[in-house]
N, C-alpha and C. Protein backbone atom coordinates (compact mmCIF):
# COMPACT_ATOMS: atom_id res chain seq x y z
N MET A 1 6.55 -0.88 -20.72
CA MET A 1 6.52 -1.86 -19.65
C MET A 1 7.96 -2.25 -19.29
N SER A 2 8.31 -2.19 -18.03
CA SER A 2 9.65 -2.53 -17.58
C SER A 2 9.86 -4.04 -17.55
N THR A 3 11.10 -4.45 -17.78
CA THR A 3 11.44 -5.86 -17.79
C THR A 3 12.41 -6.19 -16.67
N ILE A 4 12.14 -7.29 -15.97
CA ILE A 4 13.04 -7.79 -14.93
C ILE A 4 13.41 -9.22 -15.27
N LYS A 5 14.70 -9.52 -15.24
CA LYS A 5 15.15 -10.88 -15.47
C LYS A 5 15.22 -11.62 -14.14
N SER A 6 14.86 -12.89 -14.17
CA SER A 6 14.92 -13.71 -12.97
C SER A 6 15.71 -14.97 -13.22
N ASN A 7 16.17 -15.58 -12.14
CA ASN A 7 16.84 -16.87 -12.20
C ASN A 7 16.02 -17.90 -11.42
N LEU A 8 15.97 -19.10 -11.93
CA LEU A 8 15.35 -20.17 -11.16
C LEU A 8 16.23 -20.44 -9.94
N ARG A 9 15.62 -20.87 -8.84
CA ARG A 9 16.40 -21.05 -7.61
C ARG A 9 15.97 -22.31 -6.87
N GLU A 10 16.87 -22.73 -5.99
CA GLU A 10 16.55 -23.80 -5.05
C GLU A 10 15.85 -23.19 -3.84
N THR A 11 15.13 -24.02 -3.09
CA THR A 11 14.33 -23.50 -1.97
C THR A 11 14.91 -23.81 -0.60
N ASP A 12 16.09 -24.42 -0.54
CA ASP A 12 16.66 -24.72 0.78
C ASP A 12 17.13 -23.44 1.45
N LYS A 13 17.18 -23.47 2.78
CA LYS A 13 17.48 -22.27 3.58
C LYS A 13 18.87 -21.70 3.26
N LYS A 14 19.84 -22.56 3.01
CA LYS A 14 21.19 -22.08 2.73
C LYS A 14 21.21 -21.26 1.45
N THR A 15 20.55 -21.75 0.42
CA THR A 15 20.51 -21.03 -0.86
C THR A 15 19.79 -19.69 -0.69
N VAL A 16 18.66 -19.71 0.02
CA VAL A 16 17.89 -18.48 0.25
C VAL A 16 18.74 -17.45 0.97
N SER A 17 19.46 -17.87 2.00
CA SER A 17 20.31 -16.95 2.76
C SER A 17 21.42 -16.39 1.89
N GLU A 18 22.04 -17.22 1.08
CA GLU A 18 23.13 -16.76 0.22
C GLU A 18 22.63 -15.77 -0.83
N LEU A 19 21.43 -16.00 -1.35
CA LEU A 19 20.85 -15.09 -2.33
C LEU A 19 20.67 -13.70 -1.73
N ARG A 20 20.12 -13.65 -0.54
CA ARG A 20 19.87 -12.35 0.11
C ARG A 20 21.17 -11.60 0.38
N LYS A 21 22.20 -12.33 0.79
CA LYS A 21 23.48 -11.69 1.07
C LYS A 21 24.12 -11.11 -0.19
N SER A 22 23.80 -11.69 -1.34
CA SER A 22 24.40 -11.23 -2.60
C SER A 22 23.51 -10.26 -3.37
N GLY A 23 22.44 -9.76 -2.72
CA GLY A 23 21.62 -8.73 -3.34
C GLY A 23 20.46 -9.25 -4.18
N TRP A 24 20.14 -10.53 -4.04
CA TRP A 24 19.01 -11.11 -4.75
C TRP A 24 17.84 -11.33 -3.79
N ILE A 25 16.63 -11.27 -4.33
CA ILE A 25 15.43 -11.48 -3.52
C ILE A 25 14.81 -12.83 -3.87
N PRO A 26 14.75 -13.76 -2.92
CA PRO A 26 14.01 -15.00 -3.16
C PRO A 26 12.55 -14.66 -3.46
N SER A 27 12.03 -15.21 -4.55
CA SER A 27 10.68 -14.85 -5.00
C SER A 27 9.95 -16.07 -5.52
N VAL A 28 8.69 -15.86 -5.85
CA VAL A 28 7.90 -16.91 -6.48
C VAL A 28 6.96 -16.24 -7.49
N VAL A 29 6.72 -16.91 -8.61
CA VAL A 29 5.78 -16.42 -9.60
C VAL A 29 4.73 -17.50 -9.83
N TYR A 30 3.46 -17.09 -9.93
CA TYR A 30 2.35 -18.02 -10.10
C TYR A 30 1.19 -17.26 -10.73
N GLY A 31 0.17 -17.99 -11.16
CA GLY A 31 -1.01 -17.33 -11.69
C GLY A 31 -1.36 -17.81 -13.08
N TYR A 32 -1.75 -16.88 -13.94
CA TYR A 32 -2.29 -17.18 -15.27
C TYR A 32 -1.30 -17.98 -16.11
N LYS A 33 -1.68 -19.19 -16.46
CA LYS A 33 -0.88 -20.09 -17.30
C LYS A 33 0.54 -20.27 -16.78
N THR A 34 0.71 -20.16 -15.47
CA THR A 34 2.04 -20.25 -14.88
C THR A 34 2.00 -21.10 -13.61
N GLU A 35 2.73 -22.19 -13.59
CA GLU A 35 2.84 -22.98 -12.38
C GLU A 35 3.69 -22.23 -11.36
N SER A 36 3.40 -22.47 -10.09
CA SER A 36 4.18 -21.81 -9.03
C SER A 36 5.65 -22.17 -9.18
N THR A 37 6.47 -21.13 -9.38
CA THR A 37 7.89 -21.35 -9.69
C THR A 37 8.76 -20.50 -8.78
N PRO A 38 9.68 -21.12 -8.02
CA PRO A 38 10.61 -20.34 -7.19
C PRO A 38 11.68 -19.69 -8.06
N ILE A 39 11.85 -18.39 -7.90
CA ILE A 39 12.81 -17.63 -8.68
C ILE A 39 13.56 -16.66 -7.76
N ALA A 40 14.50 -15.94 -8.33
CA ALA A 40 15.19 -14.87 -7.62
C ALA A 40 15.36 -13.69 -8.57
N VAL A 41 15.17 -12.48 -8.03
CA VAL A 41 15.38 -11.26 -8.82
C VAL A 41 16.32 -10.35 -8.05
N LYS A 42 17.04 -9.51 -8.78
CA LYS A 42 17.93 -8.57 -8.12
C LYS A 42 17.10 -7.48 -7.44
N GLU A 43 17.46 -7.20 -6.18
CA GLU A 43 16.71 -6.20 -5.42
C GLU A 43 16.78 -4.84 -6.12
N ARG A 44 17.94 -4.48 -6.63
CA ARG A 44 18.09 -3.18 -7.30
C ARG A 44 17.16 -3.09 -8.51
N ASP A 45 17.07 -4.19 -9.29
CA ASP A 45 16.20 -4.18 -10.47
C ASP A 45 14.75 -3.98 -10.08
N LEU A 46 14.31 -4.67 -9.02
CA LEU A 46 12.91 -4.55 -8.59
C LEU A 46 12.61 -3.16 -8.06
N LEU A 47 13.50 -2.61 -7.25
CA LEU A 47 13.27 -1.28 -6.69
C LEU A 47 13.24 -0.22 -7.79
N ASP A 48 14.16 -0.32 -8.75
CA ASP A 48 14.18 0.64 -9.85
C ASP A 48 12.89 0.55 -10.67
N THR A 49 12.40 -0.68 -10.87
CA THR A 49 11.17 -0.87 -11.64
C THR A 49 9.97 -0.30 -10.89
N LEU A 50 9.91 -0.50 -9.58
CA LEU A 50 8.79 0.02 -8.80
C LEU A 50 8.78 1.55 -8.80
N ARG A 51 9.96 2.16 -8.78
CA ARG A 51 10.02 3.62 -8.86
C ARG A 51 9.50 4.12 -10.21
N GLU A 52 9.73 3.33 -11.25
CA GLU A 52 9.33 3.72 -12.59
C GLU A 52 7.86 3.45 -12.86
N THR A 53 7.37 2.29 -12.45
CA THR A 53 6.01 1.87 -12.80
C THR A 53 5.00 2.06 -11.68
N GLY A 54 5.49 2.22 -10.44
CA GLY A 54 4.57 2.30 -9.31
C GLY A 54 4.30 0.93 -8.72
N ARG A 55 3.69 0.91 -7.56
CA ARG A 55 3.45 -0.34 -6.82
C ARG A 55 2.59 -1.31 -7.61
N ASN A 56 1.65 -0.82 -8.42
CA ASN A 56 0.72 -1.69 -9.12
C ASN A 56 1.01 -1.80 -10.62
N GLY A 57 2.16 -1.34 -11.04
CA GLY A 57 2.48 -1.38 -12.46
C GLY A 57 2.69 -2.79 -12.98
N VAL A 58 2.40 -2.99 -14.26
CA VAL A 58 2.62 -4.29 -14.90
C VAL A 58 4.10 -4.43 -15.26
N ILE A 59 4.67 -5.58 -14.95
CA ILE A 59 6.09 -5.85 -15.19
C ILE A 59 6.21 -7.04 -16.14
N LYS A 60 7.17 -6.97 -17.05
CA LYS A 60 7.49 -8.12 -17.89
C LYS A 60 8.62 -8.87 -17.20
N LEU A 61 8.29 -10.04 -16.68
CA LEU A 61 9.25 -10.84 -15.91
C LEU A 61 9.75 -11.99 -16.78
N THR A 62 11.06 -12.05 -16.96
CA THR A 62 11.65 -13.14 -17.74
C THR A 62 11.90 -14.34 -16.83
N VAL A 63 11.18 -15.44 -17.11
CA VAL A 63 11.27 -16.65 -16.29
C VAL A 63 11.70 -17.81 -17.17
N ASP A 64 12.89 -18.33 -16.93
CA ASP A 64 13.39 -19.48 -17.68
C ASP A 64 13.30 -19.25 -19.19
N GLY A 65 13.64 -18.05 -19.62
CA GLY A 65 13.66 -17.73 -21.04
C GLY A 65 12.35 -17.24 -21.62
N ASN A 66 11.28 -17.25 -20.84
CA ASN A 66 9.96 -16.80 -21.31
C ASN A 66 9.55 -15.52 -20.61
N ASP A 67 8.93 -14.61 -21.34
CA ASP A 67 8.44 -13.35 -20.76
C ASP A 67 7.01 -13.55 -20.25
N VAL A 68 6.78 -13.17 -19.00
CA VAL A 68 5.48 -13.31 -18.35
C VAL A 68 5.04 -11.95 -17.84
N ASN A 69 3.82 -11.53 -18.14
CA ASN A 69 3.27 -10.28 -17.61
C ASN A 69 2.82 -10.52 -16.18
N VAL A 70 3.35 -9.73 -15.24
CA VAL A 70 3.06 -9.93 -13.82
C VAL A 70 2.82 -8.59 -13.13
N VAL A 71 2.24 -8.68 -11.94
CA VAL A 71 2.21 -7.56 -11.00
C VAL A 71 2.81 -8.05 -9.69
N LEU A 72 3.35 -7.13 -8.92
CA LEU A 72 3.89 -7.49 -7.61
C LEU A 72 2.71 -7.69 -6.66
N ASN A 73 2.42 -8.94 -6.35
CA ASN A 73 1.24 -9.26 -5.54
C ASN A 73 1.48 -9.02 -4.06
N ASP A 74 2.70 -9.32 -3.59
CA ASP A 74 3.02 -9.15 -2.17
C ASP A 74 4.54 -9.13 -2.01
N TYR A 75 4.98 -8.61 -0.88
CA TYR A 75 6.41 -8.62 -0.60
C TYR A 75 6.63 -8.53 0.91
N GLN A 76 7.79 -8.95 1.35
CA GLN A 76 8.18 -8.81 2.75
C GLN A 76 9.50 -8.05 2.82
N ALA A 77 9.66 -7.33 3.93
CA ALA A 77 10.89 -6.56 4.13
C ALA A 77 11.37 -6.73 5.55
N ASP A 78 12.67 -6.65 5.75
CA ASP A 78 13.25 -6.73 7.09
C ASP A 78 12.87 -5.48 7.88
N VAL A 79 12.31 -5.68 9.07
CA VAL A 79 11.81 -4.54 9.86
C VAL A 79 12.93 -3.63 10.34
N LEU A 80 14.14 -4.14 10.44
CA LEU A 80 15.25 -3.33 10.93
C LEU A 80 15.99 -2.63 9.80
N THR A 81 16.27 -3.35 8.73
CA THR A 81 17.06 -2.77 7.64
C THR A 81 16.21 -2.17 6.53
N GLY A 82 14.97 -2.66 6.39
CA GLY A 82 14.12 -2.19 5.30
C GLY A 82 14.38 -2.91 3.99
N PHE A 83 15.38 -3.79 3.95
CA PHE A 83 15.69 -4.52 2.73
C PHE A 83 14.58 -5.53 2.42
N LEU A 84 14.27 -5.69 1.14
CA LEU A 84 13.27 -6.67 0.73
C LEU A 84 13.82 -8.08 0.96
N THR A 85 12.98 -8.96 1.49
CA THR A 85 13.41 -10.33 1.79
C THR A 85 12.66 -11.37 0.96
N HIS A 86 11.53 -11.00 0.37
CA HIS A 86 10.78 -11.95 -0.45
C HIS A 86 9.78 -11.17 -1.30
N ALA A 87 9.45 -11.73 -2.47
CA ALA A 87 8.47 -11.08 -3.36
C ALA A 87 7.62 -12.15 -4.03
N ASP A 88 6.32 -11.86 -4.13
CA ASP A 88 5.39 -12.73 -4.84
C ASP A 88 4.92 -12.01 -6.10
N PHE A 89 5.11 -12.65 -7.26
CA PHE A 89 4.67 -12.08 -8.52
C PHE A 89 3.46 -12.86 -9.03
N LEU A 90 2.42 -12.14 -9.40
CA LEU A 90 1.20 -12.76 -9.92
C LEU A 90 1.17 -12.62 -11.44
N ALA A 91 1.20 -13.76 -12.15
CA ALA A 91 1.09 -13.74 -13.61
C ALA A 91 -0.36 -13.40 -13.98
N ILE A 92 -0.55 -12.51 -14.96
CA ILE A 92 -1.89 -12.00 -15.26
C ILE A 92 -2.21 -12.13 -16.75
N ASN A 93 -3.51 -12.12 -17.03
CA ASN A 93 -4.03 -12.05 -18.39
C ASN A 93 -4.35 -10.58 -18.67
N MET A 94 -3.67 -9.97 -19.61
CA MET A 94 -3.82 -8.54 -19.84
C MET A 94 -5.22 -8.15 -20.32
N THR A 95 -6.01 -9.13 -20.76
CA THR A 95 -7.36 -8.82 -21.26
C THR A 95 -8.44 -8.99 -20.21
N GLU A 96 -8.08 -9.50 -19.02
CA GLU A 96 -9.07 -9.74 -17.98
C GLU A 96 -8.84 -8.80 -16.80
N GLU A 97 -9.95 -8.42 -16.15
CA GLU A 97 -9.86 -7.56 -14.99
C GLU A 97 -9.34 -8.35 -13.79
N LEU A 98 -8.68 -7.65 -12.87
CA LEU A 98 -8.24 -8.25 -11.62
C LEU A 98 -8.46 -7.28 -10.49
N GLU A 99 -8.45 -7.79 -9.27
CA GLU A 99 -8.64 -6.94 -8.10
C GLU A 99 -7.28 -6.56 -7.52
N VAL A 100 -7.09 -5.27 -7.28
CA VAL A 100 -5.85 -4.77 -6.70
C VAL A 100 -6.17 -3.70 -5.67
N ASP A 101 -5.27 -3.53 -4.71
CA ASP A 101 -5.40 -2.47 -3.72
C ASP A 101 -4.65 -1.23 -4.21
N VAL A 102 -5.34 -0.09 -4.18
CA VAL A 102 -4.76 1.16 -4.68
C VAL A 102 -4.77 2.20 -3.57
N ALA A 103 -3.69 2.95 -3.45
CA ALA A 103 -3.54 3.94 -2.40
C ALA A 103 -4.48 5.13 -2.60
N ILE A 104 -4.92 5.70 -1.47
CA ILE A 104 -5.72 6.92 -1.46
C ILE A 104 -4.79 8.11 -1.26
N ASN A 105 -4.94 9.14 -2.11
CA ASN A 105 -4.10 10.33 -2.04
C ASN A 105 -4.99 11.56 -1.85
N LEU A 106 -4.84 12.23 -0.72
CA LEU A 106 -5.66 13.41 -0.43
C LEU A 106 -5.06 14.64 -1.10
N VAL A 107 -5.90 15.41 -1.80
CA VAL A 107 -5.44 16.62 -2.46
C VAL A 107 -6.33 17.79 -2.04
N GLY A 108 -5.74 18.98 -2.02
CA GLY A 108 -6.49 20.17 -1.63
C GLY A 108 -6.35 20.48 -0.15
N ASP A 109 -6.77 21.67 0.22
CA ASP A 109 -6.75 22.12 1.62
C ASP A 109 -8.17 22.14 2.15
N ALA A 110 -8.42 21.38 3.21
CA ALA A 110 -9.76 21.28 3.78
C ALA A 110 -10.08 22.50 4.65
N PRO A 111 -11.20 23.20 4.37
CA PRO A 111 -11.59 24.34 5.20
C PRO A 111 -11.75 23.95 6.67
N GLY A 112 -12.23 22.71 6.91
CA GLY A 112 -12.41 22.26 8.28
C GLY A 112 -11.11 22.15 9.04
N GLU A 113 -10.04 21.81 8.36
CA GLU A 113 -8.74 21.72 9.01
C GLU A 113 -8.22 23.12 9.33
N LYS A 114 -8.45 24.07 8.40
CA LYS A 114 -8.03 25.45 8.65
C LYS A 114 -8.79 26.06 9.83
N ALA A 115 -10.01 25.56 10.06
CA ALA A 115 -10.84 26.08 11.15
C ALA A 115 -10.51 25.43 12.49
N GLY A 116 -9.51 24.58 12.52
CA GLY A 116 -9.09 23.97 13.78
C GLY A 116 -9.39 22.49 13.90
N GLY A 117 -10.06 21.92 12.92
CA GLY A 117 -10.36 20.50 12.96
C GLY A 117 -9.14 19.66 12.60
N THR A 118 -9.26 18.38 12.83
CA THR A 118 -8.17 17.45 12.54
C THR A 118 -8.58 16.53 11.41
N ILE A 119 -7.75 16.46 10.37
CA ILE A 119 -8.05 15.59 9.25
C ILE A 119 -7.61 14.17 9.59
N GLN A 120 -8.51 13.22 9.39
CA GLN A 120 -8.24 11.82 9.71
C GLN A 120 -8.51 10.95 8.50
N GLN A 121 -7.65 9.97 8.28
CA GLN A 121 -7.77 9.07 7.15
C GLN A 121 -7.86 7.64 7.69
N PRO A 122 -9.09 7.11 7.85
CA PRO A 122 -9.27 5.79 8.45
C PRO A 122 -8.63 4.66 7.65
N VAL A 123 -8.67 4.75 6.33
CA VAL A 123 -8.06 3.72 5.48
C VAL A 123 -7.13 4.39 4.49
N TRP A 124 -6.13 3.64 4.06
CA TRP A 124 -5.12 4.19 3.15
C TRP A 124 -5.20 3.58 1.76
N GLU A 125 -6.02 2.54 1.61
CA GLU A 125 -6.17 1.89 0.32
C GLU A 125 -7.61 1.44 0.12
N VAL A 126 -8.02 1.31 -1.13
CA VAL A 126 -9.29 0.68 -1.47
C VAL A 126 -9.01 -0.39 -2.53
N THR A 127 -9.90 -1.36 -2.60
CA THR A 127 -9.76 -2.42 -3.59
C THR A 127 -10.60 -2.09 -4.81
N ILE A 128 -9.97 -2.21 -5.99
CA ILE A 128 -10.68 -1.94 -7.23
C ILE A 128 -10.57 -3.14 -8.17
N ARG A 129 -11.45 -3.19 -9.16
CA ARG A 129 -11.39 -4.22 -10.19
C ARG A 129 -11.19 -3.52 -11.52
N VAL A 130 -10.11 -3.87 -12.23
CA VAL A 130 -9.72 -3.12 -13.42
C VAL A 130 -8.80 -3.98 -14.29
N LYS A 131 -8.73 -3.66 -15.56
CA LYS A 131 -7.78 -4.34 -16.44
C LYS A 131 -6.35 -3.91 -16.08
N PRO A 132 -5.39 -4.80 -16.22
CA PRO A 132 -4.01 -4.48 -15.82
C PRO A 132 -3.46 -3.20 -16.43
N SER A 133 -3.79 -2.94 -17.68
CA SER A 133 -3.25 -1.76 -18.35
C SER A 133 -3.86 -0.46 -17.83
N ASP A 134 -4.95 -0.56 -17.06
CA ASP A 134 -5.64 0.64 -16.57
C ASP A 134 -5.48 0.83 -15.06
N ILE A 135 -4.61 0.05 -14.43
CA ILE A 135 -4.43 0.18 -12.98
C ILE A 135 -3.81 1.54 -12.64
N PRO A 136 -4.48 2.36 -11.82
CA PRO A 136 -3.89 3.65 -11.44
C PRO A 136 -2.86 3.48 -10.34
N ASP A 137 -1.93 4.41 -10.26
CA ASP A 137 -0.93 4.37 -9.19
C ASP A 137 -1.58 4.74 -7.86
N HIS A 138 -2.59 5.62 -7.90
CA HIS A 138 -3.31 6.02 -6.70
C HIS A 138 -4.64 6.65 -7.12
N ILE A 139 -5.49 6.92 -6.14
CA ILE A 139 -6.77 7.60 -6.38
C ILE A 139 -6.76 8.92 -5.62
N ASP A 140 -6.93 10.02 -6.33
CA ASP A 140 -6.97 11.34 -5.69
C ASP A 140 -8.35 11.60 -5.08
N ILE A 141 -8.36 12.06 -3.82
CA ILE A 141 -9.59 12.45 -3.14
C ILE A 141 -9.50 13.94 -2.82
N ASP A 142 -10.40 14.73 -3.39
CA ASP A 142 -10.39 16.18 -3.19
C ASP A 142 -11.06 16.53 -1.87
N VAL A 143 -10.32 17.18 -0.97
CA VAL A 143 -10.87 17.55 0.34
C VAL A 143 -11.07 19.06 0.45
N SER A 144 -11.01 19.77 -0.66
CA SER A 144 -11.04 21.24 -0.64
C SER A 144 -12.38 21.83 -0.18
N GLU A 145 -13.41 21.00 -0.04
CA GLU A 145 -14.70 21.50 0.44
C GLU A 145 -15.14 20.82 1.73
N LEU A 146 -14.24 20.09 2.37
CA LEU A 146 -14.59 19.31 3.55
C LEU A 146 -14.53 20.16 4.81
N GLU A 147 -15.68 20.24 5.49
CA GLU A 147 -15.80 21.03 6.72
C GLU A 147 -15.72 20.11 7.94
N ILE A 148 -15.65 20.74 9.12
CA ILE A 148 -15.60 19.98 10.38
C ILE A 148 -16.85 19.11 10.50
N GLY A 149 -16.64 17.86 10.84
CA GLY A 149 -17.76 16.93 11.01
C GLY A 149 -18.17 16.21 9.74
N GLU A 150 -17.58 16.56 8.61
CA GLU A 150 -17.94 15.94 7.35
C GLU A 150 -16.99 14.80 7.00
N THR A 151 -17.52 13.84 6.24
CA THR A 151 -16.77 12.64 5.87
C THR A 151 -16.98 12.34 4.39
N ILE A 152 -15.94 11.86 3.76
CA ILE A 152 -16.06 11.36 2.39
C ILE A 152 -16.01 9.84 2.45
N LEU A 153 -17.08 9.20 1.95
CA LEU A 153 -17.18 7.75 1.94
C LEU A 153 -16.84 7.20 0.55
N VAL A 154 -16.62 5.91 0.50
CA VAL A 154 -16.37 5.27 -0.79
C VAL A 154 -17.52 5.55 -1.75
N GLY A 155 -18.75 5.52 -1.22
CA GLY A 155 -19.92 5.77 -2.06
C GLY A 155 -19.93 7.14 -2.70
N ASP A 156 -19.23 8.09 -2.08
CA ASP A 156 -19.20 9.46 -2.61
C ASP A 156 -18.30 9.59 -3.83
N ILE A 157 -17.37 8.65 -4.01
CA ILE A 157 -16.44 8.77 -5.13
C ILE A 157 -16.66 7.69 -6.20
N ARG A 158 -17.58 6.78 -5.93
CA ARG A 158 -17.76 5.64 -6.83
C ARG A 158 -18.05 6.07 -8.27
N ASP A 159 -18.88 7.09 -8.43
CA ASP A 159 -19.24 7.54 -9.78
C ASP A 159 -18.22 8.50 -10.39
N LYS A 160 -17.16 8.81 -9.65
CA LYS A 160 -16.18 9.77 -10.13
C LYS A 160 -14.93 9.10 -10.71
N VAL A 161 -14.90 7.77 -10.69
CA VAL A 161 -13.74 7.05 -11.22
C VAL A 161 -14.19 6.16 -12.37
N LYS A 162 -13.25 5.74 -13.20
CA LYS A 162 -13.56 4.99 -14.41
C LYS A 162 -13.44 3.48 -14.23
N PHE A 163 -13.37 3.03 -13.00
CA PHE A 163 -13.23 1.60 -12.73
C PHE A 163 -14.14 1.23 -11.56
N GLU A 164 -14.31 -0.06 -11.36
CA GLU A 164 -15.19 -0.54 -10.29
C GLU A 164 -14.43 -0.56 -8.96
N ILE A 165 -15.05 0.02 -7.94
CA ILE A 165 -14.49 -0.03 -6.59
C ILE A 165 -15.17 -1.18 -5.86
N VAL A 166 -14.38 -2.13 -5.38
CA VAL A 166 -14.92 -3.30 -4.69
C VAL A 166 -15.23 -2.99 -3.23
N THR A 167 -14.45 -2.12 -2.62
CA THR A 167 -14.67 -1.73 -1.22
C THR A 167 -16.08 -1.18 -1.04
N GLU A 168 -16.72 -1.51 0.09
CA GLU A 168 -18.12 -1.14 0.33
C GLU A 168 -18.30 0.37 0.46
N ASP A 169 -19.50 0.83 0.07
CA ASP A 169 -19.83 2.25 0.06
C ASP A 169 -19.67 2.92 1.42
N GLU A 170 -19.95 2.18 2.50
CA GLU A 170 -19.99 2.78 3.84
C GLU A 170 -18.60 3.04 4.44
N VAL A 171 -17.56 2.58 3.78
CA VAL A 171 -16.21 2.76 4.32
C VAL A 171 -15.79 4.22 4.20
N GLY A 172 -15.36 4.81 5.32
CA GLY A 172 -14.93 6.20 5.33
C GLY A 172 -13.50 6.34 4.82
N LEU A 173 -13.29 7.33 3.95
CA LEU A 173 -11.96 7.57 3.40
C LEU A 173 -11.23 8.70 4.11
N VAL A 174 -11.97 9.75 4.45
CA VAL A 174 -11.37 10.89 5.15
C VAL A 174 -12.47 11.62 5.88
N THR A 175 -12.13 12.16 7.05
CA THR A 175 -13.09 12.92 7.84
C THR A 175 -12.37 14.06 8.56
N ILE A 176 -13.11 15.10 8.90
CA ILE A 176 -12.56 16.20 9.69
C ILE A 176 -13.22 16.18 11.06
N SER A 177 -12.45 15.85 12.08
CA SER A 177 -12.99 15.78 13.43
C SER A 177 -12.90 17.15 14.09
N ALA A 178 -13.84 17.43 14.98
CA ALA A 178 -13.87 18.72 15.68
C ALA A 178 -12.72 18.82 16.67
N PRO A 179 -12.21 20.03 16.90
CA PRO A 179 -11.15 20.19 17.90
C PRO A 179 -11.69 19.89 19.29
N ARG A 180 -10.84 19.42 20.17
CA ARG A 180 -11.27 19.11 21.53
C ARG A 180 -11.60 20.38 22.29
N THR A 181 -12.65 20.29 23.09
CA THR A 181 -13.04 21.43 23.92
C THR A 181 -12.12 21.52 25.12
N GLU A 182 -12.18 22.67 25.83
CA GLU A 182 -11.35 22.84 27.03
C GLU A 182 -11.71 21.79 28.07
N GLU A 183 -13.03 21.45 28.16
CA GLU A 183 -13.47 20.45 29.12
C GLU A 183 -12.85 19.09 28.82
N GLU A 184 -12.80 18.74 27.53
CA GLU A 184 -12.21 17.45 27.15
C GLU A 184 -10.72 17.41 27.44
N LEU A 185 -10.03 18.52 27.18
CA LEU A 185 -8.60 18.58 27.46
C LEU A 185 -8.32 18.50 28.95
N GLU A 186 -9.16 19.19 29.77
CA GLU A 186 -8.99 19.14 31.22
C GLU A 186 -9.23 17.73 31.75
N ALA A 187 -10.27 17.06 31.19
CA ALA A 187 -10.56 15.69 31.61
C ALA A 187 -9.42 14.75 31.27
N LEU A 188 -8.79 14.98 30.10
CA LEU A 188 -7.66 14.16 29.70
C LEU A 188 -6.47 14.38 30.62
N ASP A 189 -6.21 15.65 30.99
CA ASP A 189 -5.12 15.95 31.91
C ASP A 189 -5.37 15.32 33.26
N GLU A 190 -6.61 15.38 33.72
CA GLU A 190 -6.94 14.82 35.03
C GLU A 190 -6.76 13.30 35.03
N ALA A 191 -7.20 12.67 33.95
CA ALA A 191 -7.06 11.21 33.87
C ALA A 191 -5.59 10.82 33.85
N THR A 192 -4.77 11.62 33.17
CA THR A 192 -3.33 11.34 33.10
C THR A 192 -2.69 11.48 34.47
N GLU A 193 -3.08 12.52 35.22
CA GLU A 193 -2.53 12.73 36.55
C GLU A 193 -2.92 11.59 37.49
N ASN A 194 -4.17 11.13 37.37
CA ASN A 194 -4.66 10.07 38.26
C ASN A 194 -3.96 8.73 38.00
N THR A 195 -3.64 8.45 36.76
CA THR A 195 -3.01 7.18 36.43
C THR A 195 -1.50 7.25 36.51
N GLY A 196 -0.97 8.48 36.45
CA GLY A 196 0.47 8.65 36.48
C GLY A 196 1.14 8.30 35.18
N ALA A 197 0.34 8.10 34.12
CA ALA A 197 0.89 7.72 32.82
C ALA A 197 0.92 8.92 31.90
N GLU A 198 1.90 8.94 31.05
CA GLU A 198 1.99 10.00 30.06
C GLU A 198 1.20 9.62 28.83
N PRO A 199 0.49 10.59 28.22
CA PRO A 199 -0.25 10.27 27.00
C PRO A 199 0.68 9.81 25.90
N GLU A 200 0.25 8.80 25.16
CA GLU A 200 1.07 8.28 24.08
C GLU A 200 1.06 9.23 22.90
N VAL A 201 2.21 9.48 22.32
CA VAL A 201 2.33 10.34 21.16
C VAL A 201 2.47 9.47 19.93
N ILE A 202 1.47 9.56 19.07
CA ILE A 202 1.48 8.73 17.86
C ILE A 202 2.68 9.08 17.01
N GLY A 203 3.37 8.04 16.55
CA GLY A 203 4.51 8.25 15.67
C GLY A 203 5.83 8.17 16.38
N GLU A 204 5.82 8.23 17.75
CA GLU A 204 7.06 8.11 18.50
C GLU A 204 7.29 6.67 18.88
N ASP A 205 8.50 6.21 18.80
CA ASP A 205 8.84 4.85 19.16
C ASP A 205 8.87 4.73 20.68
N LYS A 206 8.30 3.63 21.17
CA LYS A 206 8.35 3.40 22.61
C LYS A 206 9.72 2.85 23.00
N GLU A 207 10.25 3.32 24.10
CA GLU A 207 11.56 2.84 24.57
C GLU A 207 11.41 1.44 25.09
N GLU A 208 12.31 0.55 24.67
CA GLU A 208 12.26 -0.82 25.10
C GLU A 208 12.74 -0.89 26.54
N LYS A 209 12.04 -1.71 27.30
CA LYS A 209 12.39 -1.87 28.72
C LYS A 209 13.46 -2.94 28.87
């Protein structure tokens, strides 16, 4: 288990701003047997720990001389620089289950995609209930048998994992959509010509006016 040292901090805006400029992240820790406490941690320490333990890993956080078992409950980052600006640490009881969001990781090559279909992932995380020591970094979903028009739902993987999935069975995790027909493509081109607008390309930044 990785250890991060923290310092108690003041909550005024000037102190918060100075902390960020000097490489510290204004944070708060709360939860199991822990009163809500404003702290600061070094950004480098937190990033190194997350690389080592993963987003849901248990961290030993030193708070005012005491070690507290925590998970990173939430964080904020500057949209322009990407630097972390705040972190929330949740103190936990290692013997009790908790709910956490875990990433979905697709593995394998889908036959439906090779046949011209498009693989789509409606959600990127599911919520599970598990003891802190058993939190997985991600959940692998095998798509090696997925054909065009087929979908893998939460209910399809519930019995394949060793923990409880809180997300409802009907939630789709991955699907293979059929390729567009020539008629659909022609209709899309015609609609674009009539409106005079260019189709939006997902992933491209829009130019600011």
